[in-house]
Every structure is written in C-alpha cells, then in structure tokens.
Amino acid sequence: MKINHYYLQATFILLVALAAGCTPSRGIIASGKVTTKGAIKAGYNASFNISSSSLSEVDNIAESAVNALQNRDSIYYDADFQSLTRSLLAYSLDPTAPTSDFYIRYGVADRVDVGYKYASGAHVLDAMYQFLGSTGTIDNPGPAGLYGSIGLQYSGQNSNLPSRLGLSALSSILNYDLKRKDILVPLVFSKSFGQEEEYGNFSWGVVYGHTFINYGFEPGNLYEKLGGTQTRQIKALQKKENFSSFGTFINAKIGYRYIYFLPALSIYYQNYGTYDIFGLQQENYKGFTFIPSLGFQINFSTISGNTRSRRR
C-alpha cells in the first residue's frame, strides 16, 4: 500500500519537533550566591532548545527521508541520502526541542555547593564556588552587595536520532549513533531582592562550553553507485570531533523564602566544526542557540536556618 507523501512528511516533521534528540543541558539558572552550607535546594525547569543550525533542517529531514526510502528495493547514497545524513547530523548536534530537568543542590561549605540534575535523559554534575559577596542567611544577613560565583558542570548523553523519531527503517539502514560530553564554565553575578535573596535575585553572566562528540554509522543495506551497473556497499564510519561554545545569560528568582519562580534565557554561539560522512561528503555547521526556560525552586535553607535559630 502506497502511503501519501505529504502525510509521511507531516508526520516526520511532528516527530522531529517533539524529539529531544541529544539535547545538552546548558540553560543557566544559577545566581552568584551559592547554597548556604548544610542547606538544600530542589527544583524543576521546563525549557526549549532553539538552534538556528538544526531549525533550518527540520523540514529537510522529513522530505529527504520520504524521498530516500519510499518505493525502493535498494538504498543508494544519492543526493537525497546526502541531504538526509547532513540534516540528521546537524539536528543531533544541537536539536531544536523541548527539554526538562529535575535538580537538587547542597551547600558543602560556606562558599561551595554541588548539584545533580537529571535533564531529558542526561545525568549532570556541577559545583559552584562563590568568590564575591556575603555568605549570610536570611535570618543572619551579611553586608549588602553583589554576589559572584564561578562553576564547573559536566554532562554526558547518547542519542540514536532516527530511532527516537520513529524512523525504524532508516535506523536499521544507517545504525547512526552520537555520543556527547559537555563541560560548562559559567561566571555568574547577581543582585539580591531583599536581604540574602529573601525575595529572589536578578542574575547575569557569561559561560564557556566545550563539547566532545563521538559519532558513527554502521550501515546495513546502503550502497554507492560507481558507474554503470557497478555498486559498492558503504562501510562503517566512526569519528570524533570537539568544539567550543561562547554564551551569555540572564535569569531571575522571584518568590519569598521557601518557594521561587525562575525565568531564564541563555544564548550561545558555536562553530560545531567539520564532519566527515563516509568519506563521501563533509559538512560544516555553526550557529546560535537560544534557551528560554521557566521553573520553580524550593529552598530549604530558610527552614533549616529557622530551626537553628530556635535551638539557640
């Protein structure tokens, strides 16, 4: 049974738009003041990763997949397939997709806190060091002024994008897989609303990121035409690349003592580098990434601070 071309294309576009792919955790919601020693913060964020590089490829993935796969007994590495692999790689490097994360932070020292985040299938670890501003609490405030901190974040993630998109036929032909590891170094400054962020804060800063990519194809029934009736089966490919990202961000924390809402916006620019695909084509990607987010945070530092005060 022949399936309508436009129905398939519309379905693929929807699946691509909803797939998280291999989306890095790069939205910055930290303030310059770290978590108080012995205290805990926990929260949830919903965000949308909007990449100029991958956004332009969404429709192309759908159209190329339909053209490459429909009504064919043998799959050849032709112009449609080249377009498809280019678009898949671009999209998996930095997908345009919704993301979410749950996190928890703990103050291990007066100027140091650590955190864990589960972000759309990725495990994220980080630590922040506060080099500027008071380390007081709401109940025992220090001197007013700016806060400043610097952090280090690590995350790792795997993705098989065709499988996630529901393109099982394409997945079995390409056997495409991408693994990434991301390191972020945010420099954060913030201004408190009230004493020691009692009503929240406004934060801003810059961030440097470095990403390590390991990608590969292990094609099954995929061939290259050599001329005439001659063909050659395309062999497996494994490659490594890395690239830097440069970003800036603003965020706010708005609430009172225990519960806060956190709107944020992070913006990055990166040249993803040049990627070899089967030795038959090379593709270079670069562009901006915008990450708006909205979340909430529960702050247990005030509760524990009140408990200590009553005991004294």
C-alpha atoms as a PDB file:
ATOM      1  CA  MET A   1       0.000   0.000   0.000  1.00  0.00           C
ATOM      2  CA  LYS A   2       1.403   3.390  -1.006  1.00  0.00           C
ATOM      3  CA  ILE A   3       1.335   5.951   1.791  1.00  0.00           C
ATOM      4  CA  ASN A   4       0.693   9.561   0.859  1.00  0.00           C
ATOM      5  CA  HIS A   5       3.954  11.516   0.501  1.00  0.00           C
ATOM      6  CA  TYR A   6       2.664  14.610   2.280  1.00  0.00           C
ATOM      7  CA  TYR A   7       1.182  12.608   5.150  1.00  0.00           C
ATOM      8  CA  LEU A   8       4.564  10.976   5.766  1.00  0.00           C
ATOM      9  CA  GLN A   9       6.344  14.303   5.573  1.00  0.00           C
ATOM     10  CA  ALA A  10       3.969  15.972   8.033  1.00  0.00           C
ATOM     11  CA  THR A  11       4.341  13.021  10.429  1.00  0.00           C
ATOM     12  CA  PHE A  12       8.135  13.184  10.297  1.00  0.00           C
ATOM     13  CA  ILE A  13       8.137  16.955  10.916  1.00  0.00           C
ATOM     14  CA  LEU A  14       5.973  16.456  14.023  1.00  0.00           C
ATOM     15  CA  LEU A  15       8.206  13.658  15.332  1.00  0.00           C
ATOM     16  CA  VAL A  16      11.362  15.703  14.735  1.00  0.00           C
ATOM     17  CA  ALA A  17       9.897  18.725  16.504  1.00  0.00           C
ATOM     18  CA  LEU A  18       8.951  16.652  19.558  1.00  0.00           C
ATOM     19  CA  ALA A  19      12.119  14.552  19.815  1.00  0.00           C
ATOM     20  CA  ALA A  20      14.617  15.570  22.480  1.00  0.00           C
ATOM     21  CA  GLY A  21      17.473  14.112  20.446  1.00  0.00           C
ATOM     22  CA  CYS A  22      20.777  14.634  22.196  1.00  0.00           C
ATOM     23  CA  THR A  23      19.960  17.996  23.729  1.00  0.00           C
ATOM     24  CA  PRO A  24      22.711  19.369  26.003  1.00  0.00           C
ATOM     25  CA  SER A  25      21.863  20.823  29.427  1.00  0.00           C
ATOM     26  CA  ARG A  26      23.076  24.410  29.001  1.00  0.00           C
ATOM     27  CA  GLY A  27      20.372  26.649  30.480  1.00  0.00           C
ATOM     28  CA  ILE A  28      21.896  28.678  33.343  1.00  0.00           C
ATOM     29  CA  ILE A  29      19.619  29.390  36.328  1.00  0.00           C
ATOM     30  CA  ALA A  30      22.326  29.865  38.989  1.00  0.00           C
ATOM     31  CA  SER A  31      22.766  33.052  40.994  1.00  0.00           C
ATOM     32  CA  GLY A  32      26.037  34.489  42.257  1.00  0.00           C
ATOM     33  CA  LYS A  33      25.185  33.302  45.786  1.00  0.00           C
ATOM     34  CA  VAL A  34      25.735  29.579  46.343  1.00  0.00           C
ATOM     35  CA  THR A  35      23.566  27.377  48.547  1.00  0.00           C
ATOM     36  CA  THR A  36      24.130  28.000  52.253  1.00  0.00           C
ATOM     37  CA  LYS A  37      26.339  25.435  53.988  1.00  0.00           C
ATOM     38  CA  GLY A  38      24.235  22.445  55.102  1.00  0.00           C
ATOM     39  CA  ALA A  39      21.151  23.615  53.172  1.00  0.00           C
ATOM     40  CA  ILE A  40      19.327  22.033  50.234  1.00  0.00           C
ATOM     41  CA  LYS A  41      17.588  23.445  47.161  1.00  0.00           C
ATOM     42  CA  ALA A  42      15.486  21.429  44.743  1.00  0.00           C
ATOM     43  CA  GLY A  43      13.522  22.338  41.658  1.00  0.00           C
ATOM     44  CA  TYR A  44      12.195  21.717  38.178  1.00  0.00           C
ATOM     45  CA  ASN A  45      12.738  23.576  34.887  1.00  0.00           C
ATOM     46  CA  ALA A  46      10.977  23.406  31.544  1.00  0.00           C
ATOM     47  CA  SER A  47      12.890  24.883  28.624  1.00  0.00           C
ATOM     48  CA  PHE A  48      13.076  24.925  24.847  1.00  0.00           C
ATOM     49  CA  ASN A  49      16.359  24.478  22.985  1.00  0.00           C
ATOM     50  CA  ILE A  50      16.176  26.552  19.784  1.00  0.00           C
ATOM     51  CA  SER A  51      19.162  26.038  17.480  1.00  0.00           C
ATOM     52  CA  SER A  52      19.469  28.100  14.293  1.00  0.00           C
ATOM     53  CA  SER A  53      21.575  25.316  12.759  1.00  0.00           C
ATOM     54  CA  SER A  54      19.099  22.499  13.354  1.00  0.00           C
ATOM     55  CA  LEU A  55      15.895  24.543  12.973  1.00  0.00           C
ATOM     56  CA  SER A  56      16.569  25.003   9.267  1.00  0.00           C
ATOM     57  CA  GLU A  57      16.904  21.218   8.848  1.00  0.00           C
ATOM     58  CA  VAL A  58      13.579  20.063  10.348  1.00  0.00           C
ATOM     59  CA  ASP A  59      11.614  20.104   7.111  1.00  0.00           C
ATOM     60  CA  ASN A  60      14.610  18.793   5.161  1.00  0.00           C
ATOM     61  CA  ILE A  61      14.844  15.655   7.340  1.00  0.00           C
ATOM     62  CA  ALA A  62      11.221  14.856   6.588  1.00  0.00           C
ATOM     63  CA  GLU A  63      11.397  15.484   2.843  1.00  0.00           C
ATOM     64  CA  SER A  64      14.743  13.701   2.386  1.00  0.00           C
ATOM     65  CA  ALA A  65      13.615  10.673   4.419  1.00  0.00           C
ATOM     66  CA  VAL A  66      10.495  10.282   2.310  1.00  0.00           C
ATOM     67  CA  ASN A  67      12.400  10.644  -0.971  1.00  0.00           C
ATOM     68  CA  ALA A  68      15.208   8.308   0.121  1.00  0.00           C
ATOM     69  CA  LEU A  69      13.047   5.490   1.465  1.00  0.00           C
ATOM     70  CA  GLN A  70       9.707   5.325  -0.300  1.00  0.00           C
ATOM     71  CA  ASN A  71       9.100   2.716  -3.015  1.00  0.00           C
ATOM     72  CA  ARG A  72      12.719   1.485  -3.189  1.00  0.00           C
ATOM     73  CA  ASP A  73      14.060  -2.041  -3.048  1.00  0.00           C
ATOM     74  CA  SER A  74      17.714  -0.927  -2.759  1.00  0.00           C
ATOM     75  CA  ILE A  75      19.003   2.169  -0.967  1.00  0.00           C
ATOM     76  CA  TYR A  76      21.708   4.157  -2.739  1.00  0.00           C
ATOM     77  CA  TYR A  77      23.787   7.008  -1.368  1.00  0.00           C
ATOM     78  CA  ASP A  78      22.404   9.618  -3.765  1.00  0.00           C
ATOM     79  CA  ALA A  79      21.590  13.303  -3.417  1.00  0.00           C
ATOM     80  CA  ASP A  80      18.528  12.573  -1.255  1.00  0.00           C
ATOM     81  CA  PHE A  81      20.537  10.433   1.137  1.00  0.00           C
ATOM     82  CA  GLN A  82      23.348  13.006   1.319  1.00  0.00           C
ATOM     83  CA  SER A  83      20.789  15.651   2.221  1.00  0.00           C
ATOM     84  CA  LEU A  84      19.276  13.330   4.828  1.00  0.00           C
ATOM     85  CA  THR A  85      22.575  12.488   6.573  1.00  0.00           C
ATOM     86  CA  ARG A  86      23.601  16.151   6.575  1.00  0.00           C
ATOM     87  CA  SER A  87      20.315  17.144   8.198  1.00  0.00           C
ATOM     88  CA  LEU A  88      20.317  14.289  10.733  1.00  0.00           C
ATOM     89  CA  LEU A  89      23.830  15.141  11.894  1.00  0.00           C
ATOM     90  CA  ALA A  90      23.013  18.855  12.155  1.00  0.00           C
ATOM     91  CA  TYR A  91      19.876  18.116  14.164  1.00  0.00           C
ATOM     92  CA  SER A  92      21.511  15.627  16.526  1.00  0.00           C
ATOM     93  CA  LEU A  93      24.402  18.001  17.311  1.00  0.00           C
ATOM     94  CA  ASP A  94      22.007  20.584  18.774  1.00  0.00           C
ATOM     95  CA  PRO A  95      18.303  19.669  18.452  1.00  0.00           C
ATOM     96  CA  THR A  96      15.524  22.212  18.438  1.00  0.00           C
ATOM     97  CA  ALA A  97      13.297  20.553  21.007  1.00  0.00           C
ATOM     98  CA  PRO A  98      11.592  20.935  24.396  1.00  0.00           C
ATOM     99  CA  THR A  99      13.577  19.782  27.432  1.00  0.00           C
ATOM    100  CA  SER A 100      13.019  19.487  31.174  1.00  0.00           C
ATOM    101  CA  ASP A 101      15.090  18.758  34.233  1.00  0.00           C
ATOM    102  CA  PHE A 102      14.865  17.994  37.940  1.00  0.00           C
ATOM    103  CA  TYR A 103      17.729  19.079  40.169  1.00  0.00           C
ATOM    104  CA  ILE A 104      18.963  19.181  43.741  1.00  0.00           C
ATOM    105  CA  ARG A 105      21.759  21.291  45.278  1.00  0.00           C
ATOM    106  CA  TYR A 106      23.582  21.041  48.587  1.00  0.00           C
ATOM    107  CA  GLY A 107      25.849  23.525  50.362  1.00  0.00           C
ATOM    108  CA  VAL A 108      29.027  21.657  51.300  1.00  0.00           C
ATOM    109  CA  ALA A 109      30.967  24.699  52.623  1.00  0.00           C
ATOM    110  CA  ASP A 110      30.494  28.412  53.226  1.00  0.00           C
ATOM    111  CA  ARG A 111      31.349  29.263  49.623  1.00  0.00           C
ATOM    112  CA  VAL A 112      30.870  25.955  47.792  1.00  0.00           C
ATOM    113  CA  ASP A 113      27.812  23.998  46.713  1.00  0.00           C
ATOM    114  CA  VAL A 114      27.328  20.951  44.483  1.00  0.00           C
ATOM    115  CA  GLY A 115      24.415  19.811  42.376  1.00  0.00           C
ATOM    116  CA  TYR A 116      22.914  16.904  40.473  1.00  0.00           C
ATOM    117  CA  LYS A 117      20.466  17.278  37.589  1.00  0.00           C
ATOM    118  CA  TYR A 118      18.514  14.758  35.547  1.00  0.00           C
ATOM    119  CA  ALA A 119      17.911  16.525  32.256  1.00  0.00           C
ATOM    120  CA  SER A 120      15.981  14.775  29.468  1.00  0.00           C
ATOM    121  CA  GLY A 121      17.867  11.511  29.907  1.00  0.00           C
ATOM    122  CA  ALA A 122      21.242  13.073  30.730  1.00  0.00           C
ATOM    123  CA  HIS A 123      22.989  12.984  34.116  1.00  0.00           C
ATOM    124  CA  VAL A 124      24.560  16.327  35.018  1.00  0.00           C
ATOM    125  CA  LEU A 125      27.008  17.090  37.853  1.00  0.00           C
ATOM    126  CA  ASP A 126      28.287  20.523  38.813  1.00  0.00           C
ATOM    127  CA  ALA A 127      29.909  22.604  41.552  1.00  0.00           C
ATOM    128  CA  MET A 128      29.944  26.363  42.209  1.00  0.00           C
ATOM    129  CA  TYR A 129      32.457  28.497  44.124  1.00  0.00           C
ATOM    130  CA  GLN A 130      31.367  31.907  45.444  1.00  0.00           C
ATOM    131  CA  PHE A 131      34.209  34.441  45.290  1.00  0.00           C
ATOM    132  CA  LEU A 132      32.202  37.628  45.870  1.00  0.00           C
ATOM    133  CA  GLY A 133      29.551  38.708  48.361  1.00  0.00           C
ATOM    134  CA  SER A 134      28.087  37.666  51.696  1.00  0.00           C
ATOM    135  CA  THR A 135      27.654  34.071  52.869  1.00  0.00           C
ATOM    136  CA  GLY A 136      24.976  35.040  55.395  1.00  0.00           C
ATOM    137  CA  THR A 137      21.409  33.739  55.631  1.00  0.00           C
ATOM    138  CA  ILE A 138      18.035  35.465  55.606  1.00  0.00           C
ATOM    139  CA  ASP A 139      17.880  35.220  59.412  1.00  0.00           C
ATOM    140  CA  ASN A 140      21.546  36.154  59.854  1.00  0.00           C
ATOM    141  CA  PRO A 141      22.300  38.502  56.943  1.00  0.00           C
ATOM    142  CA  GLY A 142      25.728  39.740  55.987  1.00  0.00           C
ATOM    143  CA  PRO A 143      26.635  43.032  54.285  1.00  0.00           C
ATOM    144  CA  ALA A 144      24.648  44.018  51.188  1.00  0.00           C
ATOM    145  CA  GLY A 145      26.248  43.990  47.747  1.00  0.00           C
ATOM    146  CA  LEU A 146      26.756  41.962  44.599  1.00  0.00           C
ATOM    147  CA  TYR A 147      27.317  38.221  44.605  1.00  0.00           C
ATOM    148  CA  GLY A 148      29.668  36.441  42.242  1.00  0.00           C
ATOM    149  CA  SER A 149      30.487  32.780  41.619  1.00  0.00           C
ATOM    150  CA  ILE A 150      32.153  30.513  39.084  1.00  0.00           C
ATOM    151  CA  GLY A 151      31.184  26.923  38.327  1.00  0.00           C
ATOM    152  CA  LEU A 152      32.100  23.732  36.542  1.00  0.00           C
ATOM    153  CA  GLN A 153      29.456  21.438  35.011  1.00  0.00           C
ATOM    154  CA  TYR A 154      29.805  18.034  33.331  1.00  0.00           C
ATOM    155  CA  SER A 155      27.187  16.045  31.430  1.00  0.00           C
ATOM    156  CA  GLY A 156      27.140  13.046  29.089  1.00  0.00           C
ATOM    157  CA  GLN A 157      24.471  11.766  26.733  1.00  0.00           C
ATOM    158  CA  ASN A 158      23.855   9.274  23.913  1.00  0.00           C
ATOM    159  CA  SER A 159      21.395   9.531  21.037  1.00  0.00           C
ATOM    160  CA  ASN A 160      20.088   7.382  18.200  1.00  0.00           C
ATOM    161  CA  LEU A 161      18.049  10.065  16.488  1.00  0.00           C
ATOM    162  CA  PRO A 162      16.361   8.013  13.719  1.00  0.00           C
ATOM    163  CA  SER A 163      15.091   5.534  16.325  1.00  0.00           C
ATOM    164  CA  ARG A 164      13.759   8.362  18.508  1.00  0.00           C
ATOM    165  CA  LEU A 165      11.974   9.835  15.511  1.00  0.00           C
ATOM    166  CA  GLY A 166      10.181   6.585  14.813  1.00  0.00           C
ATOM    167  CA  LEU A 167      12.107   6.040  11.568  1.00  0.00           C
ATOM    168  CA  SER A 168      12.790   2.362  12.226  1.00  0.00           C
ATOM    169  CA  ALA A 169      13.540   1.608   8.566  1.00  0.00           C
ATOM    170  CA  LEU A 170      16.068   4.425   8.412  1.00  0.00           C
ATOM    171  CA  SER A 171      17.557   3.414  11.761  1.00  0.00           C
ATOM    172  CA  SER A 172      18.219  -0.140  10.538  1.00  0.00           C
ATOM    173  CA  ILE A 173      19.869   1.162   7.351  1.00  0.00           C
ATOM    174  CA  LEU A 174      22.124   3.802   8.938  1.00  0.00           C
ATOM    175  CA  ASN A 175      22.592   2.499  12.505  1.00  0.00           C
ATOM    176  CA  TYR A 176      23.521   6.065  13.402  1.00  0.00           C
ATOM    177  CA  ASP A 177      24.657   6.898  16.920  1.00  0.00           C
ATOM    178  CA  LEU A 178      26.049  10.032  18.544  1.00  0.00           C
ATOM    179  CA  LYS A 179      27.618  10.380  21.989  1.00  0.00           C
ATOM    180  CA  ARG A 180      28.481  13.730  23.531  1.00  0.00           C
ATOM    181  CA  LYS A 181      30.182  15.024  26.650  1.00  0.00           C
ATOM    182  CA  ASP A 182      29.773  18.659  27.657  1.00  0.00           C
ATOM    183  CA  ILE A 183      31.800  20.822  30.036  1.00  0.00           C
ATOM    184  CA  LEU A 184      30.460  24.257  31.030  1.00  0.00           C
ATOM    185  CA  VAL A 185      32.183  27.020  32.987  1.00  0.00           C
ATOM    186  CA  PRO A 186      29.650  29.735  33.975  1.00  0.00           C
ATOM    187  CA  LEU A 187      30.680  33.046  35.555  1.00  0.00           C
ATOM    188  CA  VAL A 188      27.651  34.421  37.431  1.00  0.00           C
ATOM    189  CA  PHE A 189      26.890  37.757  39.087  1.00  0.00           C
ATOM    190  CA  SER A 190      23.665  38.609  40.870  1.00  0.00           C
ATOM    191  CA  LYS A 191      21.835  41.340  42.743  1.00  0.00           C
ATOM    192  CA  SER A 192      19.625  40.343  45.668  1.00  0.00           C
ATOM    193  CA  PHE A 193      15.956  41.255  46.076  1.00  0.00           C
ATOM    194  CA  GLY A 194      15.819  41.903  49.834  1.00  0.00           C
ATOM    195  CA  GLN A 195      18.370  40.609  52.326  1.00  0.00           C
ATOM    196  CA  GLU A 196      20.271  37.487  51.201  1.00  0.00           C
ATOM    197  CA  GLU A 197      17.852  36.809  48.319  1.00  0.00           C
ATOM    198  CA  GLU A 198      14.820  36.716  50.607  1.00  0.00           C
ATOM    199  CA  TYR A 199      12.604  37.765  47.671  1.00  0.00           C
ATOM    200  CA  GLY A 200      14.902  36.373  44.998  1.00  0.00           C
ATOM    201  CA  ASN A 201      17.514  37.911  42.727  1.00  0.00           C
ATOM    202  CA  PHE A 202      18.461  39.065  39.259  1.00  0.00           C
ATOM    203  CA  SER A 203      21.485  37.324  37.721  1.00  0.00           C
ATOM    204  CA  TRP A 204      23.627  37.697  34.620  1.00  0.00           C
ATOM    205  CA  GLY A 205      26.928  36.444  33.299  1.00  0.00           C
ATOM    206  CA  VAL A 206      28.924  34.663  30.634  1.00  0.00           C
ATOM    207  CA  VAL A 207      29.648  30.986  30.032  1.00  0.00           C
ATOM    208  CA  TYR A 208      32.251  28.956  28.155  1.00  0.00           C
ATOM    209  CA  GLY A 209      31.475  25.441  26.983  1.00  0.00           C
ATOM    210  CA  HIS A 210      33.419  22.659  25.325  1.00  0.00           C
ATOM    211  CA  THR A 211      31.801  19.631  23.711  1.00  0.00           C
ATOM    212  CA  PHE A 212      33.321  16.297  22.730  1.00  0.00           C
ATOM    213  CA  ILE A 213      31.455  14.382  20.009  1.00  0.00           C
ATOM    214  CA  ASN A 214      31.796  10.726  19.030  1.00  0.00           C
ATOM    215  CA  TYR A 215      29.537   9.838  16.084  1.00  0.00           C
ATOM    216  CA  GLY A 216      29.250   6.879  13.761  1.00  0.00           C
ATOM    217  CA  PHE A 217      27.280   4.991  11.122  1.00  0.00           C
ATOM    218  CA  GLU A 218      27.164   1.216  10.654  1.00  0.00           C
ATOM    219  CA  PRO A 219      25.054   0.972   7.510  1.00  0.00           C
ATOM    220  CA  GLY A 220      23.323  -2.235   6.566  1.00  0.00           C
ATOM    221  CA  ASN A 221      21.759  -2.234   3.104  1.00  0.00           C
ATOM    222  CA  LEU A 222      23.282   1.017   1.813  1.00  0.00           C
ATOM    223  CA  TYR A 223      25.234   1.209  -1.467  1.00  0.00           C
ATOM    224  CA  GLU A 224      27.223   3.681  -3.540  1.00  0.00           C
ATOM    225  CA  LYS A 225      26.864   3.747  -7.324  1.00  0.00           C
ATOM    226  CA  LEU A 226      30.268   3.542  -9.045  1.00  0.00           C
ATOM    227  CA  GLY A 227      29.097   3.931 -12.627  1.00  0.00           C
ATOM    228  CA  GLY A 228      27.078   1.805 -14.969  1.00  0.00           C
ATOM    229  CA  THR A 229      25.659  -1.147 -13.055  1.00  0.00           C
ATOM    230  CA  GLN A 230      28.538  -1.340 -10.556  1.00  0.00           C
ATOM    231  CA  THR A 231      27.822  -0.674  -6.885  1.00  0.00           C
ATOM    232  CA  ARG A 232      29.763  -0.846  -3.625  1.00  0.00           C
ATOM    233  CA  GLN A 233      28.421  -1.375  -0.118  1.00  0.00           C
ATOM    234  CA  ILE A 234      29.224   1.557   2.164  1.00  0.00           C
ATOM    235  CA  LYS A 235      31.386   0.632   5.145  1.00  0.00           C
ATOM    236  CA  ALA A 236      31.006   1.639   8.783  1.00  0.00           C
ATOM    237  CA  LEU A 237      32.319   5.008   9.962  1.00  0.00           C
ATOM    238  CA  GLN A 238      33.395   6.213  13.430  1.00  0.00           C
ATOM    239  CA  LYS A 239      34.682   9.757  14.014  1.00  0.00           C
ATOM    240  CA  LYS A 240      35.449  12.179  16.845  1.00  0.00           C
ATOM    241  CA  GLU A 241      35.129  15.960  16.912  1.00  0.00           C
ATOM    242  CA  ASN A 242      35.099  18.711  19.534  1.00  0.00           C
ATOM    243  CA  PHE A 243      34.081  22.367  19.572  1.00  0.00           C
ATOM    244  CA  SER A 244      33.771  25.394  21.850  1.00  0.00           C
ATOM    245  CA  SER A 245      30.677  27.420  22.745  1.00  0.00           C
ATOM    246  CA  PHE A 246      30.505  31.003  23.988  1.00  0.00           C
ATOM    247  CA  GLY A 247      27.410  32.250  25.738  1.00  0.00           C
ATOM    248  CA  THR A 248      25.690  34.788  27.899  1.00  0.00           C
ATOM    249  CA  PHE A 249      22.595  34.588  30.079  1.00  0.00           C
ATOM    250  CA  ILE A 250      20.155  36.407  32.327  1.00  0.00           C
ATOM    251  CA  ASN A 251      17.810  34.904  34.884  1.00  0.00           C
ATOM    252  CA  ALA A 252      15.688  35.891  37.843  1.00  0.00           C
ATOM    253  CA  LYS A 253      14.422  34.249  41.022  1.00  0.00           C
ATOM    254  CA  ILE A 254      11.110  35.639  42.268  1.00  0.00           C
ATOM    255  CA  GLY A 255       9.291  34.492  45.403  1.00  0.00           C
ATOM    256  CA  TYR A 256       9.619  34.529  49.159  1.00  0.00           C
ATOM    257  CA  ARG A 257      11.872  32.454  51.443  1.00  0.00           C
ATOM    258  CA  TYR A 258      10.735  28.942  50.574  1.00  0.00           C
ATOM    259  CA  ILE A 259       9.357  28.887  47.002  1.00  0.00           C
ATOM    260  CA  TYR A 260      10.563  30.823  43.950  1.00  0.00           C
ATOM    261  CA  PHE A 261       9.813  31.005  40.230  1.00  0.00           C
ATOM    262  CA  LEU A 262      12.806  31.143  37.882  1.00  0.00           C
ATOM    263  CA  PRO A 263      12.511  32.640  34.362  1.00  0.00           C
ATOM    264  CA  ALA A 264      15.768  32.484  32.392  1.00  0.00           C
ATOM    265  CA  LEU A 265      17.297  32.972  28.951  1.00  0.00           C
ATOM    266  CA  SER A 266      20.669  31.622  27.777  1.00  0.00           C
ATOM    267  CA  ILE A 267      22.222  32.382  24.372  1.00  0.00           C
ATOM    268  CA  TYR A 268      25.192  30.559  22.795  1.00  0.00           C
ATOM    269  CA  TYR A 269      27.234  30.803  19.633  1.00  0.00           C
ATOM    270  CA  GLN A 270      29.265  27.865  18.390  1.00  0.00           C
ATOM    271  CA  ASN A 271      31.073  26.614  15.306  1.00  0.00           C
ATOM    272  CA  TYR A 272      30.363  22.880  15.534  1.00  0.00           C
ATOM    273  CA  GLY A 273      33.219  22.072  13.149  1.00  0.00           C
ATOM    274  CA  THR A 274      33.516  19.911  10.032  1.00  0.00           C
ATOM    275  CA  TYR A 275      32.112  16.383   9.960  1.00  0.00           C
ATOM    276  CA  ASP A 276      33.076  13.606   7.568  1.00  0.00           C
ATOM    277  CA  ILE A 277      30.297  11.272   6.403  1.00  0.00           C
ATOM    278  CA  PHE A 278      31.500   8.002   4.841  1.00  0.00           C
ATOM    279  CA  GLY A 279      34.352   9.823   3.107  1.00  0.00           C
ATOM    280  CA  LEU A 280      31.778  10.908   0.522  1.00  0.00           C
ATOM    281  CA  GLN A 281      30.843  14.314   1.916  1.00  0.00           C
ATOM    282  CA  GLN A 282      31.977  16.818   4.533  1.00  0.00           C
ATOM    283  CA  GLU A 283      29.614  19.171   6.331  1.00  0.00           C
ATOM    284  CA  ASN A 284      30.321  22.259   8.435  1.00  0.00           C
ATOM    285  CA  TYR A 285      27.797  23.583  10.959  1.00  0.00           C
ATOM    286  CA  LYS A 286      27.650  26.774  13.022  1.00  0.00           C
ATOM    287  CA  GLY A 287      25.015  28.988  14.564  1.00  0.00           C
ATOM    288  CA  PHE A 288      23.266  30.444  17.607  1.00  0.00           C
ATOM    289  CA  THR A 289      21.291  28.573  20.250  1.00  0.00           C
ATOM    290  CA  PHE A 290      18.567  30.217  22.367  1.00  0.00           C
ATOM    291  CA  ILE A 291      17.332  28.525  25.551  1.00  0.00           C
ATOM    292  CA  PRO A 292      14.349  30.181  27.289  1.00  0.00           C
ATOM    293  CA  SER A 293      13.160  28.417  30.434  1.00  0.00           C
ATOM    294  CA  LEU A 294      10.745  28.685  33.337  1.00  0.00           C
ATOM    295  CA  GLY A 295      10.959  26.719  36.566  1.00  0.00           C
ATOM    296  CA  PHE A 296      10.352  26.675  40.275  1.00  0.00           C
ATOM    297  CA  GLN A 297      12.640  26.097  43.239  1.00  0.00           C
ATOM    298  CA  ILE A 298      12.063  25.019  46.833  1.00  0.00           C
ATOM    299  CA  ASN A 299      14.616  26.483  49.216  1.00  0.00           C
ATOM    300  CA  PHE A 300      15.185  24.576  52.450  1.00  0.00           C
ATOM    301  CA  SER A 301      17.933  26.885  53.718  1.00  0.00           C
ATOM    302  CA  THR A 302      15.460  29.251  55.386  1.00  0.00           C
ATOM    303  CA  ILE A 303      13.664  26.356  57.086  1.00  0.00           C
ATOM    304  CA  SER A 304      16.901  24.903  58.447  1.00  0.00           C
ATOM    305  CA  GLY A 305      18.077  28.384  59.407  1.00  0.00           C
ATOM    306  CA  ASN A 306      14.917  28.973  61.465  1.00  0.00           C
ATOM    307  CA  THR A 307      15.381  25.605  63.161  1.00  0.00           C
ATOM    308  CA  ARG A 308      18.912  26.526  64.193  1.00  0.00           C
ATOM    309  CA  SER A 309      17.735  29.894  65.482  1.00  0.00           C
ATOM    310  CA  ARG A 310      15.028  28.338  67.664  1.00  0.00           C
ATOM    311  CA  ARG A 311      17.504  25.838  69.110  1.00  0.00           C
ATOM    312  CA  ARG A 312      19.792  28.672  70.143  1.00  0.00           C
END
